[in-house]
N, C-alpha and C. Protein backbone atom coordinates (compact mmCIF):
# COMPACT_ATOMS: atom_id res chain seq x y z
N UNK A 1 50.21 18.23 66.55
CA UNK A 1 50.72 18.71 65.36
C UNK A 1 50.45 17.99 63.64
N UNK A 2 50.77 18.77 62.99
CA UNK A 2 50.65 18.35 61.79
C UNK A 2 51.45 17.32 61.38
N UNK A 3 51.09 16.06 60.90
CA UNK A 3 52.65 15.54 60.10
C UNK A 3 53.02 16.02 58.62
N UNK A 4 54.17 15.95 58.44
CA UNK A 4 54.33 16.75 57.01
C UNK A 4 54.06 15.98 55.93
N UNK A 5 53.95 16.75 54.88
CA UNK A 5 53.16 16.02 53.20
C UNK A 5 54.36 15.36 52.82
N UNK A 6 54.34 14.17 52.61
CA UNK A 6 55.81 13.68 51.75
C UNK A 6 56.12 14.50 50.50
N UNK A 7 56.62 14.59 50.35
CA UNK A 7 56.84 14.93 48.78
C UNK A 7 56.71 14.34 47.79
N UNK A 8 56.34 14.58 46.22
CA UNK A 8 55.76 14.09 45.22
C UNK A 8 56.61 13.52 44.45
N UNK A 9 57.30 12.45 44.56
CA UNK A 9 57.95 11.64 43.51
C UNK A 9 57.78 10.04 42.71
N UNK A 10 58.53 10.26 41.71
CA UNK A 10 58.28 9.09 40.78
C UNK A 10 58.22 7.83 41.46
N UNK A 11 57.74 6.63 40.88
CA UNK A 11 58.43 5.71 42.19
C UNK A 11 58.26 4.43 40.17
N UNK A 12 57.94 4.79 38.97
CA UNK A 12 57.92 4.25 37.83
C UNK A 12 58.05 5.59 37.07
N UNK A 13 59.77 5.33 36.05
CA UNK A 13 59.46 6.48 34.88
C UNK A 13 59.53 4.76 33.45
N UNK A 14 59.16 5.53 32.16
CA UNK A 14 58.99 4.47 31.37
C UNK A 14 59.12 5.39 30.15
N UNK A 15 60.05 4.96 29.20
CA UNK A 15 59.79 5.28 27.88
C UNK A 15 59.70 4.59 27.05
N UNK A 16 58.31 5.49 25.97
CA UNK A 16 57.71 4.19 25.25
C UNK A 16 58.46 4.82 23.42
N UNK A 17 59.09 4.26 23.12
CA UNK A 17 59.92 4.86 21.89
C UNK A 17 59.16 4.75 20.92
N UNK A 18 59.00 3.43 20.88
CA UNK A 18 57.17 3.93 19.25
C UNK A 18 56.60 4.95 19.30
N UNK A 19 55.97 5.03 20.49
CA UNK A 19 54.51 5.75 20.99
C UNK A 19 54.82 6.92 20.83
N UNK A 20 56.18 7.56 21.37
CA UNK A 20 57.10 9.12 21.94
C UNK A 20 55.91 9.05 22.64
N UNK A 21 56.27 8.33 24.27
CA UNK A 21 55.17 8.83 25.76
C UNK A 21 55.98 8.74 26.42
N UNK A 22 56.23 9.51 27.40
CA UNK A 22 57.15 8.87 28.46
C UNK A 22 55.96 8.94 29.68
N UNK A 23 56.09 7.56 30.19
CA UNK A 23 55.38 7.33 31.58
C UNK A 23 55.91 7.25 32.90
N UNK A 24 55.31 8.05 33.38
CA UNK A 24 55.62 8.11 34.97
C UNK A 24 54.30 8.36 35.57
N UNK A 25 54.57 7.28 36.74
CA UNK A 25 53.74 6.84 37.76
C UNK A 25 54.47 7.03 39.27
N UNK A 26 53.59 8.68 39.91
CA UNK A 26 53.84 9.28 40.95
C UNK A 26 53.26 8.61 42.28
N UNK A 27 54.27 9.23 43.18
CA UNK A 27 53.68 8.66 44.85
C UNK A 27 52.65 8.70 45.25
N UNK A 28 51.71 9.40 44.58
CA UNK A 28 50.06 9.82 44.74
C UNK A 28 49.44 8.45 44.78
N UNK A 29 50.72 7.84 43.24
CA UNK A 29 49.03 6.63 42.61
C UNK A 29 49.02 7.85 40.87
N UNK A 30 48.99 8.84 40.78
CA UNK A 30 48.67 8.74 39.66
C UNK A 30 49.78 8.93 38.27
N UNK A 31 48.88 7.98 37.44
CA UNK A 31 50.03 8.11 36.52
C UNK A 31 49.80 8.81 34.91
N UNK A 32 50.54 9.64 34.62
CA UNK A 32 50.99 9.86 33.09
C UNK A 32 51.38 9.52 32.21
N UNK A 33 51.22 9.86 31.04
CA UNK A 33 51.32 9.42 29.94
C UNK A 33 51.54 10.62 28.78
N UNK A 34 53.06 11.15 28.79
CA UNK A 34 53.72 13.10 28.43
C UNK A 34 54.02 12.37 27.07
N UNK A 35 52.94 13.12 26.05
CA UNK A 35 53.65 12.74 24.35
C UNK A 35 54.82 13.85 24.43
N UNK A 36 55.67 13.36 24.11
CA UNK A 36 57.78 13.90 23.56
C UNK A 36 57.25 15.15 22.82
N UNK A 37 56.48 15.93 22.46
CA UNK A 37 56.40 16.62 21.96
C UNK A 37 55.58 18.03 22.71
N UNK A 38 54.53 17.61 23.61
CA UNK A 38 53.80 18.02 25.01
C UNK A 38 55.30 18.78 26.44
N UNK A 39 55.98 18.07 26.43
CA UNK A 39 57.11 17.87 26.73
C UNK A 39 58.37 19.48 26.17
N UNK A 40 58.13 18.59 25.01
CA UNK A 40 59.22 19.92 24.31
C UNK A 40 58.81 21.46 24.11
N UNK A 41 57.44 21.15 23.79
CA UNK A 41 56.69 22.97 23.06
C UNK A 41 56.74 23.58 24.94
N UNK A 42 56.42 22.92 25.93
CA UNK A 42 56.44 23.56 27.39
C UNK A 42 57.57 23.90 28.32
N UNK A 43 58.79 23.52 27.23
CA UNK A 43 59.92 23.94 27.46
C UNK A 43 61.13 24.40 27.01
N UNK A 44 61.23 25.54 28.13
CA UNK A 44 62.10 26.36 27.94
C UNK A 44 63.56 26.71 29.01
N UNK A 45 63.99 27.75 28.48
CA UNK A 45 65.86 27.89 29.01
C UNK A 45 65.23 28.09 30.61
N UNK A 46 64.27 28.79 31.07
CA UNK A 46 64.47 29.39 32.40
C UNK A 46 63.29 28.08 32.59
N UNK A 47 63.13 27.41 32.69
CA UNK A 47 62.19 26.87 33.00
C UNK A 47 60.66 25.88 32.28
N UNK A 48 60.56 24.99 32.52
CA UNK A 48 58.67 25.22 31.90
C UNK A 48 57.43 25.41 32.23
N UNK A 49 57.09 26.53 30.86
CA UNK A 49 56.52 27.53 30.81
C UNK A 49 55.71 27.49 29.23
N UNK A 50 54.75 28.61 29.04
CA UNK A 50 54.99 28.80 28.23
C UNK A 50 56.03 30.06 27.87
N UNK A 51 55.82 30.17 26.37
CA UNK A 51 56.69 31.36 26.20
C UNK A 51 55.62 32.45 25.27
N UNK A 52 55.78 33.97 24.78
CA UNK A 52 55.53 35.10 23.93
C UNK A 52 55.04 33.82 22.87
N UNK A 53 55.88 33.46 22.06
CA UNK A 53 55.49 32.85 20.75
C UNK A 53 55.69 31.48 21.12
N UNK A 54 54.86 30.39 21.29
CA UNK A 54 55.02 28.91 21.48
C UNK A 54 56.25 28.61 20.49
N UNK A 55 56.78 27.04 21.14
CA UNK A 55 58.09 26.16 20.22
C UNK A 55 56.73 25.62 19.61
N UNK A 56 57.38 25.50 18.18
CA UNK A 56 56.51 25.06 17.29
C UNK A 56 56.95 23.64 16.16
N UNK A 57 56.74 23.64 15.47
CA UNK A 57 57.53 22.16 14.63
C UNK A 57 57.94 20.91 15.15
N UNK A 58 57.20 20.35 16.11
CA UNK A 58 57.81 19.67 17.07
C UNK A 58 56.71 18.00 17.20
N UNK A 59 56.12 17.94 15.85
CA UNK A 59 55.06 17.04 15.86
C UNK A 59 55.86 16.05 16.61
N UNK A 60 57.19 15.54 15.44
CA UNK A 60 57.22 14.04 15.65
C UNK A 60 58.87 13.73 16.02
N UNK A 61 58.63 14.92 17.18
CA UNK A 61 60.54 15.41 17.99
C UNK A 61 60.39 13.74 19.32
N UNK A 62 61.59 13.45 19.81
CA UNK A 62 61.52 12.28 20.00
C UNK A 62 62.58 12.62 21.72
N UNK A 63 62.15 11.52 22.39
CA UNK A 63 63.41 12.02 23.52
C UNK A 63 64.46 10.43 23.32
N UNK A 64 65.33 11.04 23.07
CA UNK A 64 66.53 10.71 23.19
C UNK A 64 67.89 10.00 24.23
N UNK A 65 67.08 10.85 24.98
CA UNK A 65 68.19 10.28 26.73
C UNK A 65 67.06 10.84 28.05
N UNK A 66 67.23 9.75 29.03
CA UNK A 66 66.17 10.19 30.21
C UNK A 66 67.56 9.81 31.18
N UNK A 67 67.92 10.69 31.92
CA UNK A 67 68.60 11.16 33.11
C UNK A 67 68.74 11.99 34.31
N UNK A 68 67.95 11.40 35.85
CA UNK A 68 67.85 11.77 36.88
C UNK A 68 69.21 12.75 37.01
N UNK A 69 68.58 14.13 37.52
CA UNK A 69 69.34 14.87 38.51
C UNK A 69 69.07 15.24 39.98
N UNK A 70 69.51 14.33 40.44
CA UNK A 70 69.89 14.62 41.93
C UNK A 70 68.42 13.93 42.10
N UNK A 71 67.38 14.52 43.72
CA UNK A 71 66.11 13.70 44.04
C UNK A 71 65.40 14.52 43.82
N UNK A 72 65.30 15.59 42.88
CA UNK A 72 63.99 16.39 42.17
C UNK A 72 63.79 16.07 40.81
N UNK A 73 64.95 16.32 39.96
CA UNK A 73 64.96 16.76 38.68
C UNK A 73 65.03 15.48 38.00
N UNK A 74 64.57 16.00 36.74
CA UNK A 74 64.92 14.61 35.24
C UNK A 74 65.03 15.86 34.24
N UNK A 75 66.15 15.70 33.52
CA UNK A 75 66.92 16.10 32.57
C UNK A 75 66.46 15.22 31.31
N UNK A 76 65.58 15.69 30.56
CA UNK A 76 65.43 14.96 29.04
C UNK A 76 65.72 15.74 27.82
N UNK A 77 66.60 14.58 27.12
CA UNK A 77 67.69 15.35 26.73
C UNK A 77 66.67 14.87 24.78
N UNK A 78 66.59 15.76 23.64
CA UNK A 78 65.70 15.65 22.76
C UNK A 78 65.89 15.85 22.16
N UNK A 79 65.68 14.59 20.18
CA UNK A 79 66.89 14.73 19.37
C UNK A 79 66.91 16.10 18.17
N UNK A 80 65.95 16.59 18.43
CA UNK A 80 66.60 18.60 17.87
C UNK A 80 67.66 18.66 18.56
N UNK A 81 67.97 18.36 19.66
CA UNK A 81 68.95 19.26 20.30
C UNK A 81 68.82 19.84 21.47
N UNK A 82 67.36 19.64 22.07
CA UNK A 82 67.51 20.67 23.00
C UNK A 82 67.18 19.97 24.47
N UNK A 83 67.92 19.89 25.47
CA UNK A 83 67.67 19.48 26.56
C UNK A 83 66.86 20.63 27.77
N UNK A 84 66.29 19.80 28.47
CA UNK A 84 66.05 20.29 29.60
C UNK A 84 65.44 19.41 31.13
N UNK A 85 65.58 20.12 32.20
CA UNK A 85 65.39 19.87 33.30
C UNK A 85 63.80 19.82 33.46
N UNK A 86 63.19 19.18 34.17
CA UNK A 86 61.66 18.90 34.39
C UNK A 86 61.65 19.23 36.52
N UNK A 87 61.13 19.29 37.35
CA UNK A 87 61.22 18.96 38.46
C UNK A 87 59.88 18.17 38.26
N UNK A 88 60.02 17.29 39.73
CA UNK A 88 58.32 16.19 39.79
C UNK A 88 57.97 16.77 40.12
N UNK A 89 57.54 17.73 40.75
CA UNK A 89 56.56 18.45 40.60
C UNK A 89 56.09 19.10 39.60
N UNK A 90 56.96 19.82 38.54
CA UNK A 90 56.57 20.67 37.28
C UNK A 90 55.92 19.48 36.49
N UNK A 91 56.88 18.13 36.79
CA UNK A 91 55.13 17.41 35.64
C UNK A 91 54.92 16.12 36.15
N UNK A 92 54.34 16.49 37.42
CA UNK A 92 52.79 16.24 38.03
C UNK A 92 52.27 17.22 37.52
N UNK A 93 52.30 18.34 37.31
CA UNK A 93 51.36 19.32 36.96
C UNK A 93 50.89 19.68 35.27
N UNK A 94 52.19 19.23 34.86
CA UNK A 94 51.64 19.21 33.56
C UNK A 94 50.96 17.51 32.83
N UNK A 95 51.33 16.94 33.85
CA UNK A 95 50.44 15.64 33.81
C UNK A 95 48.60 15.73 34.27
N UNK A 96 48.90 16.78 35.31
CA UNK A 96 47.59 17.04 36.01
C UNK A 96 46.67 17.85 34.81
N UNK A 97 47.73 18.38 34.44
CA UNK A 97 47.22 20.05 33.27
C UNK A 97 46.71 19.85 31.96
N UNK A 98 47.06 18.54 31.75
CA UNK A 98 47.48 18.70 30.10
C UNK A 98 46.09 18.68 29.06
N UNK A 99 44.84 18.55 29.34
CA UNK A 99 44.37 18.02 28.77
C UNK A 99 43.69 20.38 28.28
N UNK A 100 44.00 20.93 29.41
CA UNK A 100 43.77 22.46 29.43
C UNK A 100 45.05 22.58 28.24
N UNK A 101 46.13 21.94 28.94
CA UNK A 101 47.64 23.21 28.39
C UNK A 101 47.25 23.10 27.01
N UNK A 102 47.26 21.64 26.16
CA UNK A 102 47.14 21.72 24.91
C UNK A 102 46.61 21.81 23.86
N UNK A 103 44.77 22.18 24.73
CA UNK A 103 43.86 22.75 24.09
C UNK A 103 44.51 24.55 24.19
N UNK A 104 45.06 25.22 25.26
CA UNK A 104 45.34 26.08 24.96
C UNK A 104 46.72 26.68 24.20
N UNK A 105 47.29 25.26 24.20
CA UNK A 105 48.54 25.71 23.49
C UNK A 105 48.22 25.24 21.42
N UNK A 106 47.18 24.69 20.92
CA UNK A 106 46.81 24.47 19.99
C UNK A 106 45.83 25.74 19.65
N UNK A 107 45.16 26.23 20.65
CA UNK A 107 44.90 28.12 19.54
C UNK A 107 46.46 28.54 19.87
N UNK A 108 47.31 28.97 20.59
CA UNK A 108 48.10 30.02 19.94
C UNK A 108 48.56 29.51 18.83
N UNK A 109 48.95 28.23 18.91
CA UNK A 109 49.35 27.36 17.28
C UNK A 109 48.75 28.28 16.41
N UNK A 110 47.33 28.38 16.70
CA UNK A 110 46.56 28.71 15.34
C UNK A 110 46.79 30.33 15.14
N UNK A 111 46.36 30.91 16.31
CA UNK A 111 46.24 32.34 16.53
C UNK A 111 47.67 32.88 16.01
N UNK A 112 48.85 32.39 16.13
CA UNK A 112 50.13 32.77 15.68
C UNK A 112 50.65 32.26 13.89
N UNK A 113 49.66 31.39 13.92
CA UNK A 113 49.77 30.91 12.24
C UNK A 113 51.06 29.49 12.29
N UNK A 114 51.47 29.27 12.83
CA UNK A 114 52.52 28.31 12.98
C UNK A 114 51.49 26.80 12.71
N UNK A 115 52.97 26.01 12.67
CA UNK A 115 53.05 24.50 12.38
C UNK A 115 52.85 23.92 13.77
N UNK A 116 52.03 22.64 13.67
CA UNK A 116 52.68 21.54 14.58
C UNK A 116 53.86 20.82 13.74
N UNK A 117 54.02 21.22 12.38
CA UNK A 117 55.14 20.40 12.10
C UNK A 117 54.50 19.07 10.65
N UNK A 118 55.78 17.99 10.74
CA UNK A 118 55.23 16.93 9.92
C UNK A 118 54.89 16.38 10.41
N UNK A 119 53.83 16.04 10.15
CA UNK A 119 52.85 15.22 10.48
C UNK A 119 53.18 13.34 10.21
N UNK A 120 51.67 13.34 9.98
CA UNK A 120 52.49 11.19 9.77
C UNK A 120 52.86 11.04 8.41
N UNK A 121 54.04 9.95 8.46
CA UNK A 121 54.51 9.54 7.37
C UNK A 121 53.46 8.78 6.47
N UNK A 122 53.68 9.05 5.03
CA UNK A 122 52.89 8.65 4.06
C UNK A 122 53.01 7.76 2.93
N UNK A 123 52.81 7.08 2.14
CA UNK A 123 53.27 6.52 1.10
C UNK A 123 53.01 7.06 0.11
N UNK A 124 53.56 6.91 -1.33
CA UNK A 124 53.80 8.02 -2.88
C UNK A 124 52.21 8.07 -2.62
N UNK A 125 51.05 7.58 -2.42
CA UNK A 125 49.71 7.63 -2.33
C UNK A 125 49.05 8.43 -1.26
N UNK A 126 50.46 9.41 -0.61
CA UNK A 126 49.57 10.02 0.26
C UNK A 126 49.18 9.22 1.48
N UNK A 127 48.75 7.99 1.32
CA UNK A 127 47.82 7.44 2.30
C UNK A 127 48.42 6.71 3.19
N UNK A 128 47.91 6.43 4.41
CA UNK A 128 48.81 5.08 5.51
C UNK A 128 48.68 4.14 5.41
N UNK A 129 49.33 3.24 5.13
CA UNK A 129 49.01 1.71 4.45
C UNK A 129 50.17 1.26 5.64
N UNK A 130 49.29 -0.20 5.77
CA UNK A 130 49.95 -1.08 7.33
C UNK A 130 49.77 -2.81 6.86
N UNK A 131 50.59 -3.52 7.03
CA UNK A 131 49.85 -4.86 7.10
C UNK A 131 49.34 -5.17 7.95
N UNK A 132 48.17 -5.99 8.14
CA UNK A 132 47.80 -6.45 9.32
C UNK A 132 47.83 -8.23 9.31
N UNK A 133 47.96 -8.39 10.04
CA UNK A 133 47.91 -10.31 10.29
C UNK A 133 47.28 -10.93 10.96
N UNK A 134 46.68 -11.61 10.20
CA UNK A 134 45.43 -12.51 11.90
C UNK A 134 45.67 -13.92 12.06
N UNK A 135 45.16 -13.95 12.98
CA UNK A 135 45.76 -15.76 13.37
C UNK A 135 44.19 -16.70 13.63
N UNK A 136 44.28 -17.84 13.57
CA UNK A 136 43.22 -18.69 14.00
C UNK A 136 42.50 -18.20 13.73
N UNK A 137 41.18 -18.41 14.85
CA UNK A 137 39.51 -17.83 14.20
C UNK A 137 39.45 -16.12 14.24
N UNK A 138 40.74 -15.55 14.37
CA UNK A 138 40.11 -14.51 13.45
C UNK A 138 41.16 -14.58 11.86
N UNK A 139 41.87 -15.30 11.19
CA UNK A 139 41.78 -15.48 9.95
C UNK A 139 40.57 -16.18 10.05
N UNK A 140 39.57 -17.03 10.39
CA UNK A 140 38.67 -17.50 9.66
C UNK A 140 37.60 -16.62 9.47
N UNK A 141 37.28 -15.27 10.55
CA UNK A 141 36.37 -14.72 10.79
C UNK A 141 36.40 -13.65 9.19
N UNK A 142 37.51 -13.48 9.04
CA UNK A 142 38.21 -12.23 8.29
C UNK A 142 38.01 -12.66 7.08
N UNK A 143 37.94 -14.13 7.18
CA UNK A 143 38.86 -14.96 5.59
C UNK A 143 40.00 -14.38 4.84
N UNK A 144 40.71 -14.12 6.11
CA UNK A 144 42.31 -14.26 5.12
C UNK A 144 43.39 -14.33 6.27
N UNK A 145 44.59 -14.28 6.17
CA UNK A 145 45.45 -14.15 6.90
C UNK A 145 46.41 -12.90 7.07
N UNK A 146 46.23 -12.14 5.66
CA UNK A 146 47.03 -11.04 6.55
C UNK A 146 46.42 -10.11 5.16
N UNK A 147 46.00 -8.54 5.42
CA UNK A 147 46.00 -7.36 3.95
C UNK A 147 47.10 -6.92 4.30
N UNK A 148 47.34 -6.03 3.26
CA UNK A 148 47.44 -4.33 3.00
C UNK A 148 46.57 -3.70 3.22
N UNK A 149 46.70 -2.81 3.87
CA UNK A 149 45.49 -1.20 4.06
C UNK A 149 45.94 -0.29 4.60
N UNK A 150 45.10 0.57 3.46
CA UNK A 150 45.08 2.01 3.73
C UNK A 150 43.74 2.17 5.40
N UNK A 151 44.32 3.02 5.89
CA UNK A 151 43.59 2.86 7.39
C UNK A 151 43.79 4.59 7.54
N UNK A 152 42.68 4.84 7.91
CA UNK A 152 41.99 6.13 8.04
C UNK A 152 42.92 7.70 8.84
N UNK A 153 42.52 8.96 9.00
CA UNK A 153 43.41 9.71 9.43
C UNK A 153 43.11 9.15 10.76
N UNK A 154 41.94 9.08 11.48
CA UNK A 154 41.24 9.17 12.60
C UNK A 154 42.05 7.75 13.55
N UNK A 155 42.81 6.50 12.69
CA UNK A 155 43.29 5.59 13.40
C UNK A 155 44.69 5.73 13.09
N UNK A 156 44.95 6.32 14.89
CA UNK A 156 46.70 6.69 14.94
C UNK A 156 47.24 5.59 15.78
N UNK A 157 46.14 4.74 16.54
CA UNK A 157 47.23 4.35 17.49
C UNK A 157 46.31 2.30 17.89
N UNK A 158 46.94 1.78 18.66
CA UNK A 158 46.67 0.27 18.32
C UNK A 158 44.71 -0.03 18.65
N UNK A 159 44.34 1.21 19.71
CA UNK A 159 42.67 0.92 20.58
C UNK A 159 42.36 1.97 19.06
N UNK A 160 42.52 2.72 18.26
CA UNK A 160 41.75 3.37 17.31
C UNK A 160 41.80 2.38 16.20
N UNK A 161 42.82 1.75 16.01
CA UNK A 161 43.06 0.53 15.22
C UNK A 161 42.05 -0.77 14.89
N UNK A 162 41.19 -0.82 16.38
CA UNK A 162 40.60 -2.24 16.59
C UNK A 162 39.52 -1.52 16.92
N UNK A 163 39.04 -0.35 17.44
CA UNK A 163 37.76 0.30 17.04
C UNK A 163 37.47 0.38 16.15
N UNK A 164 38.34 0.12 14.73
CA UNK A 164 38.14 0.88 13.11
C UNK A 164 37.42 -0.59 12.45
N UNK A 165 38.62 -2.05 12.80
CA UNK A 165 38.10 -2.96 12.79
C UNK A 165 36.97 -3.12 13.28
N UNK A 166 36.34 -3.27 13.92
CA UNK A 166 35.10 -3.75 15.30
C UNK A 166 34.12 -2.89 13.97
N UNK A 167 34.03 -1.66 14.05
CA UNK A 167 33.18 -1.27 12.34
C UNK A 167 33.01 -1.89 11.12
N UNK A 168 33.95 -2.70 10.70
CA UNK A 168 33.87 -3.16 9.06
C UNK A 168 33.34 -3.99 8.67
N UNK A 169 32.81 -4.63 9.79
CA UNK A 169 32.22 -6.09 9.83
C UNK A 169 31.05 -6.15 10.76
N UNK A 170 29.38 -6.57 11.06
CA UNK A 170 29.02 -6.95 12.15
C UNK A 170 29.60 -8.07 12.56
N UNK A 171 30.24 -9.41 11.93
CA UNK A 171 31.18 -10.43 12.90
C UNK A 171 32.40 -9.99 13.31
N UNK A 172 32.87 -8.51 12.84
CA UNK A 172 33.95 -8.46 13.39
C UNK A 172 33.74 -7.75 14.74
N UNK A 173 32.78 -7.30 15.39
CA UNK A 173 32.69 -6.53 16.61
C UNK A 173 32.86 -7.40 17.83
N UNK A 174 32.53 -8.71 17.71
CA UNK A 174 32.82 -9.08 19.18
C UNK A 174 34.30 -9.70 19.30
N UNK A 175 35.19 -10.55 18.02
CA UNK A 175 35.98 -10.89 18.25
C UNK A 175 37.14 -9.59 18.23
N UNK A 176 36.77 -8.72 17.97
CA UNK A 176 38.32 -7.95 18.59
C UNK A 176 37.91 -6.49 19.26
N UNK A 177 37.50 -7.10 20.05
CA UNK A 177 37.09 -6.14 21.27
C UNK A 177 38.55 -6.46 22.00
N UNK A 178 38.91 -5.33 22.31
CA UNK A 178 39.77 -5.06 23.11
C UNK A 178 40.31 -5.88 24.49
N UNK A 179 39.51 -6.86 25.21
CA UNK A 179 40.18 -7.85 25.68
C UNK A 179 40.11 -8.94 24.92
N UNK A 180 39.50 -9.23 24.08
CA UNK A 180 39.85 -10.41 22.95
C UNK A 180 40.73 -10.96 22.43
N UNK A 181 41.77 -9.73 22.11
CA UNK A 181 43.25 -9.80 21.28
C UNK A 181 44.10 -9.44 22.26
N UNK A 182 44.92 -9.79 21.48
CA UNK A 182 46.50 -9.40 21.33
C UNK A 182 47.21 -8.71 20.40
N UNK A 183 48.27 -7.84 20.65
CA UNK A 183 48.26 -7.00 19.22
C UNK A 183 49.82 -6.89 19.89
N UNK A 184 50.84 -6.99 18.68
CA UNK A 184 52.42 -6.68 17.95
C UNK A 184 52.26 -5.84 17.03
N UNK A 185 52.77 -4.96 17.07
CA UNK A 185 53.56 -3.87 15.95
C UNK A 185 54.88 -4.01 16.06
N UNK A 186 55.64 -4.21 14.67
CA UNK A 186 56.46 -4.25 14.28
C UNK A 186 57.33 -5.68 14.90
N UNK A 187 56.90 -6.29 15.19
CA UNK A 187 56.82 -8.00 16.30
C UNK A 187 57.19 -7.42 18.17
N UNK A 188 56.54 -6.64 18.73
CA UNK A 188 57.00 -6.07 19.45
C UNK A 188 55.46 -5.93 19.98
N UNK A 189 55.00 -6.70 21.41
CA UNK A 189 54.39 -6.32 22.15
C UNK A 189 53.56 -4.80 22.28
N UNK A 190 52.24 -4.38 21.71
CA UNK A 190 51.74 -2.77 22.22
C UNK A 190 50.73 -3.45 23.06
N UNK A 191 50.71 -1.72 23.21
CA UNK A 191 49.87 -1.08 24.26
C UNK A 191 48.56 -0.80 23.38
N UNK A 192 47.98 0.06 24.27
CA UNK A 192 46.33 0.79 23.13
C UNK A 192 46.62 1.91 23.02
N UNK A 193 47.96 2.58 23.12
CA UNK A 193 48.70 3.99 22.93
C UNK A 193 49.40 3.81 21.78
N UNK A 194 50.49 2.71 22.17
CA UNK A 194 50.89 2.22 20.81
C UNK A 194 50.72 2.72 19.19
N UNK A 195 51.62 3.64 18.87
CA UNK A 195 51.19 4.37 17.94
C UNK A 195 51.58 2.97 16.08
N UNK A 196 50.63 3.39 15.23
CA UNK A 196 49.99 2.47 14.33
C UNK A 196 50.80 3.31 13.42
N UNK A 197 51.58 3.45 12.18
CA UNK A 197 51.95 4.39 11.30
C UNK A 197 52.64 3.53 10.19
N UNK A 198 52.67 4.52 9.39
CA UNK A 198 52.78 3.89 7.54
C UNK A 198 54.17 3.32 7.25
N UNK A 199 52.93 1.84 6.83
CA UNK A 199 54.62 0.96 6.96
C UNK A 199 54.50 -0.14 8.23
N UNK A 200 53.77 -0.27 9.07
CA UNK A 200 53.82 -0.85 9.80
C UNK A 200 53.65 -2.46 10.26
N UNK A 201 54.00 -3.44 10.72
CA UNK A 201 53.35 -4.61 10.27
C UNK A 201 52.44 -5.31 12.04
N UNK A 202 51.51 -5.33 11.80
CA UNK A 202 50.35 -5.18 13.10
C UNK A 202 49.90 -6.40 13.24
N UNK A 203 50.47 -7.60 13.66
CA UNK A 203 49.93 -8.75 13.64
C UNK A 203 48.91 -9.02 15.07
N UNK A 204 46.96 -9.05 14.98
CA UNK A 204 46.37 -9.44 16.09
C UNK A 204 46.21 -10.86 16.23
N UNK A 205 46.17 -11.06 17.60
CA UNK A 205 46.35 -12.70 17.84
C UNK A 205 44.88 -12.81 18.75
N UNK A 206 43.92 -13.88 18.97
CA UNK A 206 42.99 -13.64 19.81
C UNK A 206 43.76 -14.10 21.36
N UNK A 207 43.40 -13.50 22.35
CA UNK A 207 43.65 -14.25 23.67
C UNK A 207 43.26 -15.57 24.32
N UNK A 208 44.49 -16.15 24.64
CA UNK A 208 43.58 -17.42 24.95
C UNK A 208 42.14 -17.34 26.43
N UNK A 209 41.72 -18.69 26.34
CA UNK A 209 40.69 -18.45 26.54
C UNK A 209 40.54 -18.59 28.17
């Protein structure tokens, strides 16, 4: 007799407001980070599935509330007024198929001449400018304690920020390695996926030896 397969269920759910990501760890050990936009555009009144015309203009949508419903559903309230319920199996499949789903969604947006919505906030000069704070030997290597600097479009989160900093100077390559520094964004400890947006204060501190 075969043993019954245990249903997939979450063991951990975290909403990362700054990064607009919903993180779910499942009982099979898989961990997914879902952008709020992704969950919103794949939600419909009849369940989570694509519409004939895709949902659009949701690039900066946020999840405002999370509420489990029974033992098999998660209700998500979005700040555009929409609420949707997602089964654990649906969320697991959305996580597994994210790359392909998102690729197809972007193509459908393009085919329908639609826009994802308002992009990154910028200053009056249309640039994304942040304040960088450097501490201890980072200040010595960079020659400054802080700077206000416009970052390129490719820099969207902590991971890409550090990668960009490593390219600014040969002397910076080692000291800004991912495993050599700790980063806070607006005085909150940050993850590699934490968004970096216009007006943010990003502090970088060497990790203890």
